[in-house]
Amino acid sequence: MHIKLFWDYVDSSGGPDACWPWLRGHRSSGYGAVNLRTGRGVPLRGFAASRVAWALANDRDPCSMDRTEHVLHRCDNPPCCNPAHLYLGTHSENMADMVAKGRQGRRQRGEERPAHKLTEADVLAARAAYRAGDSTPVLAARYGVGQAAMYNAITGKTWAFLPGAVKAMRSSTQHLHGH
C-alpha cells in the first residue's frame, strides 16, 4: 500500500474522541499491521498501524523514525490509530505502561485477544458440529474464519484452555472436502 492511502483504512467514524481502529491486517497481538511503500520503486516495509498514524499526524516519516521511539496508546486499544490516543515514548516507558495497566505476565487468550474472530461459544459449538459430521471448510465458512484457523480451534492448537478438543481428525480427504 502507498502511504497516501493509509487513512482510507482507518475508521474514524466515531468522532475525534473515539478509538479509530485499523481496518486491514492485524498482528497476533491485535495491533494493526501495514506494509507501506513510501515512494516509487521503494520496497514494502512492515509497520504497526499505530506507529504510522502517529508519524503521519506529527509530520514524521515512519521509515526514518528511530527504533528506540515507541508509539504508546493512552486508550490501551491495540488497533486504535487515533493520533489523540497515541504518544511517543521509550521502551522503558512502554514497559512501565504495560505493568501499570496489568498486561504483563500471562498472555491473552481466546476472547481476551483483540484480534479474535471466534468466541468461546463458537469454538465449543464448532467442535460439537465437527463431531456430528460437519467438515472443517463448512465450519470455517459458517464462522467466517479460514480453514486453518478452524482446524486449529477444533483440534485445540488454539483455544486449548477450552474443553472438548478433537484429538483424532477424520482423514484429510474427509477433513478438507467434507465427505
N, C-alpha and C. Protein backbone atom coordinates (compact mmCIF):
# COMPACT_ATOMS: atom_id res chain seq x y z
N MET A 1 0.84 -1.16 0.00
CA MET A 1 0.00 0.00 0.00
C MET A 1 0.90 1.24 0.00
N HIS A 2 0.48 2.24 -0.72
CA HIS A 2 1.21 3.51 -0.68
C HIS A 2 0.76 4.29 0.55
N ILE A 3 1.69 4.98 1.15
CA ILE A 3 1.44 5.71 2.40
C ILE A 3 0.28 6.71 2.28
N LYS A 4 0.05 7.22 1.07
CA LYS A 4 -1.03 8.20 0.86
C LYS A 4 -2.41 7.58 1.09
N LEU A 5 -2.51 6.26 1.04
CA LEU A 5 -3.79 5.57 1.21
C LEU A 5 -4.05 5.16 2.66
N PHE A 6 -3.11 5.40 3.55
CA PHE A 6 -3.19 4.90 4.92
C PHE A 6 -4.53 5.24 5.59
N TRP A 7 -4.92 6.50 5.59
CA TRP A 7 -6.13 6.91 6.33
C TRP A 7 -7.41 6.32 5.74
N ASP A 8 -7.36 5.82 4.50
CA ASP A 8 -8.54 5.18 3.90
C ASP A 8 -8.91 3.90 4.64
N TYR A 9 -7.97 3.34 5.41
CA TYR A 9 -8.19 2.08 6.10
C TYR A 9 -8.28 2.24 7.62
N VAL A 10 -8.62 3.45 8.04
CA VAL A 10 -8.81 3.74 9.46
C VAL A 10 -10.26 4.22 9.62
N ASP A 11 -10.98 3.63 10.54
CA ASP A 11 -12.38 4.01 10.80
C ASP A 11 -12.43 5.11 11.85
N SER A 12 -12.60 6.34 11.37
CA SER A 12 -12.68 7.49 12.28
C SER A 12 -14.12 7.95 12.46
N SER A 13 -15.09 7.10 12.09
CA SER A 13 -16.50 7.49 12.11
C SER A 13 -17.03 7.75 13.52
N GLY A 14 -16.33 7.29 14.55
CA GLY A 14 -16.79 7.50 15.93
C GLY A 14 -16.54 8.91 16.44
N GLY A 15 -15.81 9.70 15.68
CA GLY A 15 -15.53 11.07 16.09
C GLY A 15 -14.16 11.23 16.69
N PRO A 16 -13.79 12.46 17.01
CA PRO A 16 -12.41 12.75 17.43
C PRO A 16 -11.99 12.14 18.76
N ASP A 17 -12.93 11.80 19.63
CA ASP A 17 -12.57 11.24 20.93
C ASP A 17 -12.59 9.71 20.97
N ALA A 18 -13.17 9.10 19.94
CA ALA A 18 -13.31 7.63 19.90
C ALA A 18 -12.02 6.99 19.41
N CYS A 19 -11.90 5.70 19.67
CA CYS A 19 -10.82 4.93 19.07
C CYS A 19 -11.09 4.82 17.57
N TRP A 20 -10.04 4.88 16.80
CA TRP A 20 -10.12 4.74 15.34
C TRP A 20 -9.42 3.45 14.96
N PRO A 21 -10.16 2.35 14.81
CA PRO A 21 -9.49 1.07 14.53
C PRO A 21 -8.95 0.98 13.11
N TRP A 22 -7.82 0.29 13.00
CA TRP A 22 -7.23 -0.07 11.72
C TRP A 22 -8.08 -1.18 11.14
N LEU A 23 -8.48 -1.06 9.87
CA LEU A 23 -9.44 -1.97 9.27
C LEU A 23 -8.82 -3.10 8.45
N ARG A 24 -7.53 -3.08 8.29
CA ARG A 24 -6.89 -4.12 7.48
C ARG A 24 -6.26 -5.17 8.39
N GLY A 25 -5.12 -5.70 8.01
CA GLY A 25 -4.50 -6.80 8.73
C GLY A 25 -4.06 -6.44 10.14
N HIS A 26 -3.99 -7.47 10.98
CA HIS A 26 -3.57 -7.31 12.37
C HIS A 26 -2.52 -8.36 12.73
N ARG A 27 -1.64 -7.99 13.63
CA ARG A 27 -0.68 -8.94 14.20
C ARG A 27 -1.42 -9.80 15.22
N SER A 28 -0.83 -10.89 15.62
CA SER A 28 -1.48 -11.77 16.60
C SER A 28 -1.72 -11.05 17.92
N SER A 29 -0.98 -10.00 18.18
CA SER A 29 -1.15 -9.20 19.40
C SER A 29 -2.35 -8.27 19.33
N GLY A 30 -2.96 -8.16 18.15
CA GLY A 30 -4.10 -7.27 17.97
C GLY A 30 -3.73 -5.93 17.37
N TYR A 31 -2.45 -5.61 17.31
CA TYR A 31 -2.03 -4.34 16.73
C TYR A 31 -2.21 -4.38 15.22
N GLY A 32 -2.67 -3.27 14.65
CA GLY A 32 -2.80 -3.18 13.21
C GLY A 32 -1.45 -3.35 12.54
N ALA A 33 -1.43 -4.02 11.41
CA ALA A 33 -0.19 -4.26 10.67
C ALA A 33 -0.37 -3.72 9.26
N VAL A 34 0.61 -2.97 8.80
CA VAL A 34 0.53 -2.38 7.47
C VAL A 34 1.89 -2.49 6.79
N ASN A 35 1.86 -2.86 5.52
CA ASN A 35 3.06 -2.84 4.70
C ASN A 35 2.98 -1.60 3.83
N LEU A 36 3.97 -0.73 3.95
CA LEU A 36 3.94 0.55 3.24
C LEU A 36 5.00 0.62 2.16
N ARG A 37 4.62 1.31 1.11
CA ARG A 37 5.55 1.71 0.07
C ARG A 37 5.60 3.23 0.14
N THR A 38 6.73 3.78 0.53
CA THR A 38 6.81 5.21 0.76
C THR A 38 7.23 6.00 -0.48
N GLY A 39 7.56 5.33 -1.54
CA GLY A 39 7.92 6.01 -2.77
C GLY A 39 7.99 5.04 -3.93
N ARG A 40 8.08 5.57 -5.12
CA ARG A 40 8.13 4.74 -6.32
C ARG A 40 9.39 3.88 -6.31
N GLY A 41 9.21 2.60 -6.51
CA GLY A 41 10.34 1.70 -6.56
C GLY A 41 10.91 1.33 -5.20
N VAL A 42 10.32 1.86 -4.13
CA VAL A 42 10.78 1.55 -2.78
C VAL A 42 10.08 0.27 -2.33
N PRO A 43 10.82 -0.71 -1.82
CA PRO A 43 10.16 -1.96 -1.40
C PRO A 43 9.22 -1.75 -0.22
N LEU A 44 8.28 -2.65 -0.10
CA LEU A 44 7.35 -2.61 1.03
C LEU A 44 8.10 -2.84 2.33
N ARG A 45 7.60 -2.20 3.39
CA ARG A 45 8.18 -2.37 4.72
C ARG A 45 7.03 -2.47 5.72
N GLY A 46 7.15 -3.39 6.68
CA GLY A 46 6.09 -3.61 7.65
C GLY A 46 6.17 -2.67 8.84
N PHE A 47 5.01 -2.19 9.28
CA PHE A 47 4.91 -1.29 10.42
C PHE A 47 3.67 -1.62 11.24
N ALA A 48 3.68 -1.21 12.49
CA ALA A 48 2.45 -1.19 13.28
C ALA A 48 1.64 0.00 12.78
N ALA A 49 0.34 -0.20 12.56
CA ALA A 49 -0.50 0.88 12.04
C ALA A 49 -0.51 2.08 12.97
N SER A 50 -0.46 1.86 14.28
CA SER A 50 -0.46 2.97 15.22
C SER A 50 0.80 3.82 15.07
N ARG A 51 1.90 3.19 14.75
CA ARG A 51 3.17 3.92 14.55
C ARG A 51 3.06 4.83 13.32
N VAL A 52 2.48 4.30 12.26
CA VAL A 52 2.29 5.09 11.04
C VAL A 52 1.33 6.24 11.31
N ALA A 53 0.24 5.97 12.03
CA ALA A 53 -0.73 7.02 12.34
C ALA A 53 -0.07 8.15 13.13
N TRP A 54 0.72 7.79 14.15
CA TRP A 54 1.39 8.82 14.95
C TRP A 54 2.35 9.62 14.07
N ALA A 55 3.13 8.92 13.25
CA ALA A 55 4.12 9.58 12.40
C ALA A 55 3.44 10.56 11.43
N LEU A 56 2.39 10.11 10.77
CA LEU A 56 1.72 10.98 9.81
C LEU A 56 1.10 12.19 10.49
N ALA A 57 0.50 11.98 11.65
CA ALA A 57 -0.14 13.09 12.38
C ALA A 57 0.87 14.09 12.92
N ASN A 58 2.12 13.64 13.09
CA ASN A 58 3.16 14.51 13.64
C ASN A 58 4.21 14.89 12.59
N ASP A 59 3.80 14.78 11.31
CA ASP A 59 4.64 15.20 10.20
C ASP A 59 6.01 14.52 10.22
N ARG A 60 5.99 13.22 10.52
CA ARG A 60 7.22 12.42 10.55
C ARG A 60 7.11 11.32 9.49
N ASP A 61 8.21 10.88 9.01
CA ASP A 61 8.27 9.76 8.08
C ASP A 61 8.45 8.49 8.92
N PRO A 62 7.50 7.56 8.86
CA PRO A 62 7.63 6.34 9.68
C PRO A 62 8.92 5.58 9.40
N CYS A 63 9.43 5.67 8.17
CA CYS A 63 10.66 4.95 7.81
C CYS A 63 11.88 5.56 8.48
N SER A 64 11.82 6.83 8.81
CA SER A 64 13.00 7.47 9.39
C SER A 64 12.93 7.55 10.91
N MET A 65 11.87 7.05 11.51
CA MET A 65 11.78 7.05 12.98
C MET A 65 12.80 6.09 13.56
N ASP A 66 13.41 6.48 14.63
CA ASP A 66 14.39 5.66 15.32
C ASP A 66 13.67 4.48 15.99
N ARG A 67 14.29 3.31 15.97
CA ARG A 67 13.67 2.13 16.59
C ARG A 67 13.53 2.25 18.10
N THR A 68 14.23 3.21 18.70
CA THR A 68 14.08 3.43 20.15
C THR A 68 12.83 4.24 20.46
N GLU A 69 12.21 4.80 19.42
CA GLU A 69 10.96 5.57 19.61
C GLU A 69 9.78 4.60 19.53
N HIS A 70 9.02 4.53 20.59
CA HIS A 70 7.85 3.66 20.65
C HIS A 70 6.59 4.51 20.65
N VAL A 71 5.56 4.04 19.96
CA VAL A 71 4.27 4.72 19.99
C VAL A 71 3.38 3.97 20.96
N LEU A 72 2.93 4.66 22.00
CA LEU A 72 2.12 4.07 23.06
C LEU A 72 0.67 4.53 22.93
N HIS A 73 -0.24 3.73 23.47
CA HIS A 73 -1.67 4.02 23.42
C HIS A 73 -2.18 4.51 24.78
N ARG A 74 -2.80 5.66 24.80
CA ARG A 74 -3.49 6.11 26.02
C ARG A 74 -4.73 5.24 26.26
N CYS A 75 -5.35 4.80 25.17
CA CYS A 75 -6.61 4.05 25.25
C CYS A 75 -6.40 2.56 25.51
N ASP A 76 -5.18 2.07 25.36
CA ASP A 76 -4.87 0.66 25.55
C ASP A 76 -5.65 -0.25 24.60
N ASN A 77 -5.93 0.26 23.41
CA ASN A 77 -6.68 -0.49 22.40
C ASN A 77 -5.74 -0.70 21.20
N PRO A 78 -5.12 -1.89 21.07
CA PRO A 78 -4.07 -2.10 20.06
C PRO A 78 -4.41 -1.68 18.62
N PRO A 79 -5.63 -1.90 18.10
CA PRO A 79 -5.86 -1.49 16.71
C PRO A 79 -6.11 0.02 16.53
N CYS A 80 -6.16 0.78 17.62
CA CYS A 80 -6.50 2.20 17.54
C CYS A 80 -5.40 3.00 16.84
N CYS A 81 -5.83 3.88 15.92
CA CYS A 81 -4.92 4.75 15.18
C CYS A 81 -5.27 6.22 15.37
N ASN A 82 -6.11 6.54 16.34
CA ASN A 82 -6.46 7.94 16.59
C ASN A 82 -5.23 8.64 17.16
N PRO A 83 -4.68 9.62 16.44
CA PRO A 83 -3.48 10.30 16.94
C PRO A 83 -3.67 10.92 18.32
N ALA A 84 -4.90 11.29 18.68
CA ALA A 84 -5.15 11.86 20.01
C ALA A 84 -4.95 10.82 21.11
N HIS A 85 -4.97 9.54 20.75
CA HIS A 85 -4.80 8.45 21.72
C HIS A 85 -3.37 7.93 21.77
N LEU A 86 -2.51 8.46 20.91
CA LEU A 86 -1.15 7.94 20.76
C LEU A 86 -0.13 8.96 21.25
N TYR A 87 0.96 8.45 21.81
CA TYR A 87 2.05 9.34 22.21
C TYR A 87 3.37 8.60 22.08
N LEU A 88 4.42 9.38 21.92
CA LEU A 88 5.75 8.82 21.73
C LEU A 88 6.40 8.57 23.09
N GLY A 89 7.05 7.43 23.21
CA GLY A 89 7.74 7.10 24.46
C GLY A 89 8.93 6.19 24.18
N THR A 90 9.57 5.79 25.23
CA THR A 90 10.72 4.89 25.15
C THR A 90 10.26 3.46 25.44
N HIS A 91 11.16 2.52 25.24
CA HIS A 91 10.86 1.12 25.58
C HIS A 91 10.55 1.01 27.08
N SER A 92 11.33 1.68 27.90
CA SER A 92 11.10 1.64 29.36
C SER A 92 9.73 2.19 29.72
N GLU A 93 9.33 3.27 29.08
CA GLU A 93 8.00 3.85 29.34
C GLU A 93 6.90 2.91 28.87
N ASN A 94 7.14 2.22 27.75
CA ASN A 94 6.17 1.26 27.24
C ASN A 94 6.00 0.10 28.22
N MET A 95 7.11 -0.40 28.76
CA MET A 95 7.06 -1.50 29.73
C MET A 95 6.37 -1.05 31.02
N ALA A 96 6.66 0.16 31.48
CA ALA A 96 6.02 0.69 32.69
C ALA A 96 4.51 0.84 32.46
N ASP A 97 4.13 1.28 31.26
CA ASP A 97 2.71 1.42 30.91
C ASP A 97 2.03 0.05 30.93
N MET A 98 2.71 -0.96 30.40
CA MET A 98 2.18 -2.32 30.38
C MET A 98 1.92 -2.82 31.80
N VAL A 99 2.88 -2.61 32.68
CA VAL A 99 2.73 -3.04 34.08
C VAL A 99 1.61 -2.27 34.76
N ALA A 100 1.57 -0.95 34.54
CA ALA A 100 0.53 -0.11 35.17
C ALA A 100 -0.87 -0.53 34.74
N LYS A 101 -0.99 -1.03 33.53
CA LYS A 101 -2.29 -1.43 33.00
C LYS A 101 -2.57 -2.92 33.19
N GLY A 102 -1.66 -3.62 33.88
CA GLY A 102 -1.89 -5.03 34.20
C GLY A 102 -1.82 -5.97 33.02
N ARG A 103 -1.03 -5.66 32.02
CA ARG A 103 -0.94 -6.51 30.84
C ARG A 103 0.28 -7.41 30.83
N GLN A 104 1.09 -7.42 31.88
CA GLN A 104 2.28 -8.27 31.89
C GLN A 104 1.93 -9.65 32.43
N GLY A 105 2.88 -10.55 32.29
CA GLY A 105 2.67 -11.89 32.85
C GLY A 105 1.98 -12.80 31.86
N ARG A 106 0.75 -13.14 32.13
CA ARG A 106 0.00 -14.11 31.33
C ARG A 106 -0.35 -13.55 29.96
N ARG A 107 -0.16 -14.38 28.95
CA ARG A 107 -0.57 -13.99 27.60
C ARG A 107 -2.08 -13.97 27.49
N GLN A 108 -2.57 -13.08 26.65
CA GLN A 108 -4.00 -13.05 26.40
C GLN A 108 -4.40 -14.32 25.67
N ARG A 109 -5.61 -14.77 25.92
CA ARG A 109 -6.09 -15.96 25.24
C ARG A 109 -7.57 -15.78 24.90
N GLY A 110 -7.98 -16.52 23.88
CA GLY A 110 -9.39 -16.52 23.49
C GLY A 110 -9.94 -15.13 23.21
N GLU A 111 -11.06 -14.83 23.83
CA GLU A 111 -11.74 -13.56 23.59
C GLU A 111 -11.00 -12.36 24.19
N GLU A 112 -9.99 -12.61 25.00
CA GLU A 112 -9.18 -11.51 25.53
C GLU A 112 -8.29 -10.91 24.45
N ARG A 113 -8.01 -11.69 23.41
CA ARG A 113 -7.14 -11.21 22.33
C ARG A 113 -7.94 -10.24 21.45
N PRO A 114 -7.41 -9.04 21.24
CA PRO A 114 -8.15 -8.05 20.47
C PRO A 114 -8.50 -8.48 19.05
N ALA A 115 -7.69 -9.33 18.46
CA ALA A 115 -7.91 -9.73 17.08
C ALA A 115 -8.78 -11.00 16.95
N HIS A 116 -9.37 -11.47 18.05
CA HIS A 116 -10.13 -12.73 17.96
C HIS A 116 -11.32 -12.59 17.02
N LYS A 117 -11.62 -13.67 16.33
CA LYS A 117 -12.80 -13.71 15.46
C LYS A 117 -13.84 -14.67 16.01
N LEU A 118 -13.38 -15.71 16.68
CA LEU A 118 -14.29 -16.69 17.26
C LEU A 118 -14.52 -16.35 18.73
N THR A 119 -15.66 -16.76 19.24
CA THR A 119 -15.93 -16.66 20.67
C THR A 119 -15.78 -18.05 21.28
N GLU A 120 -15.75 -18.12 22.60
CA GLU A 120 -15.68 -19.42 23.25
C GLU A 120 -16.87 -20.27 22.85
N ALA A 121 -18.05 -19.66 22.78
CA ALA A 121 -19.26 -20.40 22.39
C ALA A 121 -19.13 -20.93 20.96
N ASP A 122 -18.54 -20.12 20.06
CA ASP A 122 -18.34 -20.56 18.68
C ASP A 122 -17.45 -21.81 18.64
N VAL A 123 -16.35 -21.78 19.38
CA VAL A 123 -15.40 -22.89 19.36
C VAL A 123 -16.05 -24.16 19.90
N LEU A 124 -16.75 -24.04 21.01
CA LEU A 124 -17.42 -25.22 21.57
C LEU A 124 -18.47 -25.78 20.61
N ALA A 125 -19.22 -24.89 19.98
CA ALA A 125 -20.25 -25.32 19.02
C ALA A 125 -19.60 -25.94 17.78
N ALA A 126 -18.50 -25.36 17.31
CA ALA A 126 -17.82 -25.90 16.13
C ALA A 126 -17.25 -27.29 16.42
N ARG A 127 -16.70 -27.48 17.62
CA ARG A 127 -16.18 -28.80 17.98
C ARG A 127 -17.30 -29.83 18.01
N ALA A 128 -18.44 -29.44 18.55
CA ALA A 128 -19.58 -30.36 18.59
C ALA A 128 -20.09 -30.65 17.18
N ALA A 129 -20.15 -29.62 16.34
CA ALA A 129 -20.62 -29.80 14.96
C ALA A 129 -19.66 -30.68 14.18
N TYR A 130 -18.36 -30.53 14.43
CA TYR A 130 -17.38 -31.38 13.76
C TYR A 130 -17.59 -32.84 14.16
N ARG A 131 -17.78 -33.06 15.46
CA ARG A 131 -18.03 -34.44 15.93
C ARG A 131 -19.30 -35.01 15.31
N ALA A 132 -20.28 -34.14 15.01
CA ALA A 132 -21.55 -34.58 14.42
C ALA A 132 -21.45 -34.77 12.91
N GLY A 133 -20.28 -34.44 12.32
CA GLY A 133 -20.09 -34.72 10.91
C GLY A 133 -19.83 -33.53 10.01
N ASP A 134 -19.94 -32.30 10.50
CA ASP A 134 -19.63 -31.14 9.66
C ASP A 134 -18.14 -31.10 9.35
N SER A 135 -17.80 -30.68 8.15
CA SER A 135 -16.39 -30.61 7.75
C SER A 135 -15.78 -29.29 8.19
N THR A 136 -14.47 -29.27 8.22
CA THR A 136 -13.74 -28.05 8.56
C THR A 136 -14.08 -26.90 7.61
N PRO A 137 -14.11 -27.10 6.27
CA PRO A 137 -14.45 -25.99 5.38
C PRO A 137 -15.85 -25.43 5.63
N VAL A 138 -16.80 -26.32 5.91
CA VAL A 138 -18.17 -25.87 6.19
C VAL A 138 -18.19 -25.03 7.47
N LEU A 139 -17.51 -25.50 8.48
CA LEU A 139 -17.47 -24.76 9.75
C LEU A 139 -16.72 -23.44 9.61
N ALA A 140 -15.63 -23.44 8.86
CA ALA A 140 -14.87 -22.20 8.64
C ALA A 140 -15.76 -21.16 7.96
N ALA A 141 -16.50 -21.58 6.95
CA ALA A 141 -17.39 -20.65 6.25
C ALA A 141 -18.51 -20.16 7.18
N ARG A 142 -19.04 -21.07 7.97
CA ARG A 142 -20.13 -20.71 8.89
C ARG A 142 -19.69 -19.64 9.89
N TYR A 143 -18.46 -19.74 10.37
CA TYR A 143 -17.99 -18.82 11.41
C TYR A 143 -17.11 -17.69 10.87
N GLY A 144 -16.93 -17.65 9.55
CA GLY A 144 -16.20 -16.54 8.94
C GLY A 144 -14.71 -16.50 9.23
N VAL A 145 -14.10 -17.68 9.31
CA VAL A 145 -12.65 -17.77 9.52
C VAL A 145 -12.05 -18.68 8.46
N GLY A 146 -10.74 -18.67 8.35
CA GLY A 146 -10.06 -19.56 7.42
C GLY A 146 -10.09 -21.00 7.90
N GLN A 147 -9.84 -21.91 6.98
CA GLN A 147 -9.87 -23.34 7.33
C GLN A 147 -8.79 -23.69 8.34
N ALA A 148 -7.62 -23.08 8.23
CA ALA A 148 -6.54 -23.37 9.19
C ALA A 148 -6.94 -22.91 10.58
N ALA A 149 -7.55 -21.75 10.68
CA ALA A 149 -7.98 -21.24 11.99
C ALA A 149 -9.03 -22.16 12.60
N MET A 150 -9.95 -22.65 11.76
CA MET A 150 -10.99 -23.56 12.27
C MET A 150 -10.37 -24.89 12.69
N TYR A 151 -9.47 -25.42 11.88
CA TYR A 151 -8.80 -26.68 12.21
C TYR A 151 -8.08 -26.54 13.56
N ASN A 152 -7.36 -25.43 13.74
CA ASN A 152 -6.62 -25.21 14.98
C ASN A 152 -7.56 -25.09 16.18
N ALA A 153 -8.70 -24.46 15.99
CA ALA A 153 -9.67 -24.34 17.08
C ALA A 153 -10.29 -25.69 17.43
N ILE A 154 -10.61 -26.48 16.43
CA ILE A 154 -11.23 -27.79 16.65
C ILE A 154 -10.25 -28.73 17.37
N THR A 155 -8.99 -28.71 16.94
CA THR A 155 -8.01 -29.65 17.50
C THR A 155 -7.39 -29.18 18.81
N GLY A 156 -7.63 -27.94 19.18
CA GLY A 156 -7.08 -27.43 20.43
C GLY A 156 -5.71 -26.82 20.30
N LYS A 157 -5.20 -26.69 19.08
CA LYS A 157 -3.93 -25.99 18.91
C LYS A 157 -4.10 -24.54 19.37
N THR A 158 -5.26 -23.97 19.08
CA THR A 158 -5.67 -22.70 19.66
C THR A 158 -6.89 -22.98 20.53
N TRP A 159 -7.21 -22.10 21.41
CA TRP A 159 -8.33 -22.27 22.33
C TRP A 159 -8.14 -23.55 23.16
N ALA A 160 -6.90 -23.89 23.48
CA ALA A 160 -6.57 -25.12 24.19
C ALA A 160 -7.15 -25.14 25.60
N PHE A 161 -7.45 -23.99 26.16
CA PHE A 161 -7.99 -23.93 27.52
C PHE A 161 -9.45 -24.35 27.58
N LEU A 162 -10.10 -24.48 26.42
CA LEU A 162 -11.50 -24.93 26.40
C LEU A 162 -11.55 -26.45 26.34
N PRO A 163 -12.58 -27.03 26.94
CA PRO A 163 -12.70 -28.49 26.89
C PRO A 163 -13.18 -28.97 25.52
N GLY A 164 -12.93 -30.24 25.26
CA GLY A 164 -13.54 -30.89 24.10
C GLY A 164 -12.78 -30.81 22.80
N ALA A 165 -11.48 -30.53 22.84
CA ALA A 165 -10.72 -30.51 21.60
C ALA A 165 -10.76 -31.89 20.95
N VAL A 166 -10.83 -31.93 19.64
CA VAL A 166 -10.85 -33.18 18.88
C VAL A 166 -9.41 -33.60 18.63
N LYS A 167 -9.02 -34.73 19.17
CA LYS A 167 -7.63 -35.18 19.06
C LYS A 167 -7.38 -35.98 17.79
N ALA A 168 -8.36 -36.70 17.31
CA ALA A 168 -8.19 -37.51 16.11
C ALA A 168 -9.11 -36.95 15.03
N MET A 169 -8.51 -36.26 14.07
CA MET A 169 -9.29 -35.69 12.97
C MET A 169 -9.61 -36.80 11.96
N ARG A 170 -10.69 -36.58 11.20
CA ARG A 170 -11.00 -37.50 10.12
C ARG A 170 -9.90 -37.42 9.07
N SER A 171 -9.90 -38.33 8.13
CA SER A 171 -8.85 -38.34 7.10
C SER A 171 -8.82 -37.00 6.38
N SER A 172 -7.68 -36.67 5.77
CA SER A 172 -7.53 -35.36 5.13
C SER A 172 -8.56 -35.16 4.03
N THR A 173 -8.96 -36.22 3.33
CA THR A 173 -9.97 -36.08 2.28
C THR A 173 -11.29 -35.69 2.92
N GLN A 174 -11.68 -36.36 3.99
CA GLN A 174 -12.92 -36.02 4.66
C GLN A 174 -12.82 -34.63 5.28
N HIS A 175 -11.69 -34.36 5.91
CA HIS A 175 -11.47 -33.09 6.60
C HIS A 175 -11.58 -31.92 5.64
N LEU A 176 -10.93 -32.04 4.48
CA LEU A 176 -10.88 -30.91 3.54
C LEU A 176 -12.10 -30.82 2.65
N HIS A 177 -12.73 -31.93 2.34
CA HIS A 177 -13.79 -31.89 1.36
C HIS A 177 -15.16 -32.24 1.93
N GLY A 178 -15.20 -32.59 3.18
CA GLY A 178 -16.47 -32.83 3.83
C GLY A 178 -17.15 -34.12 3.42
N HIS A 179 -16.41 -35.09 2.92
CA HIS A 179 -17.01 -36.39 2.53
C HIS A 179 -17.12 -37.31 3.69
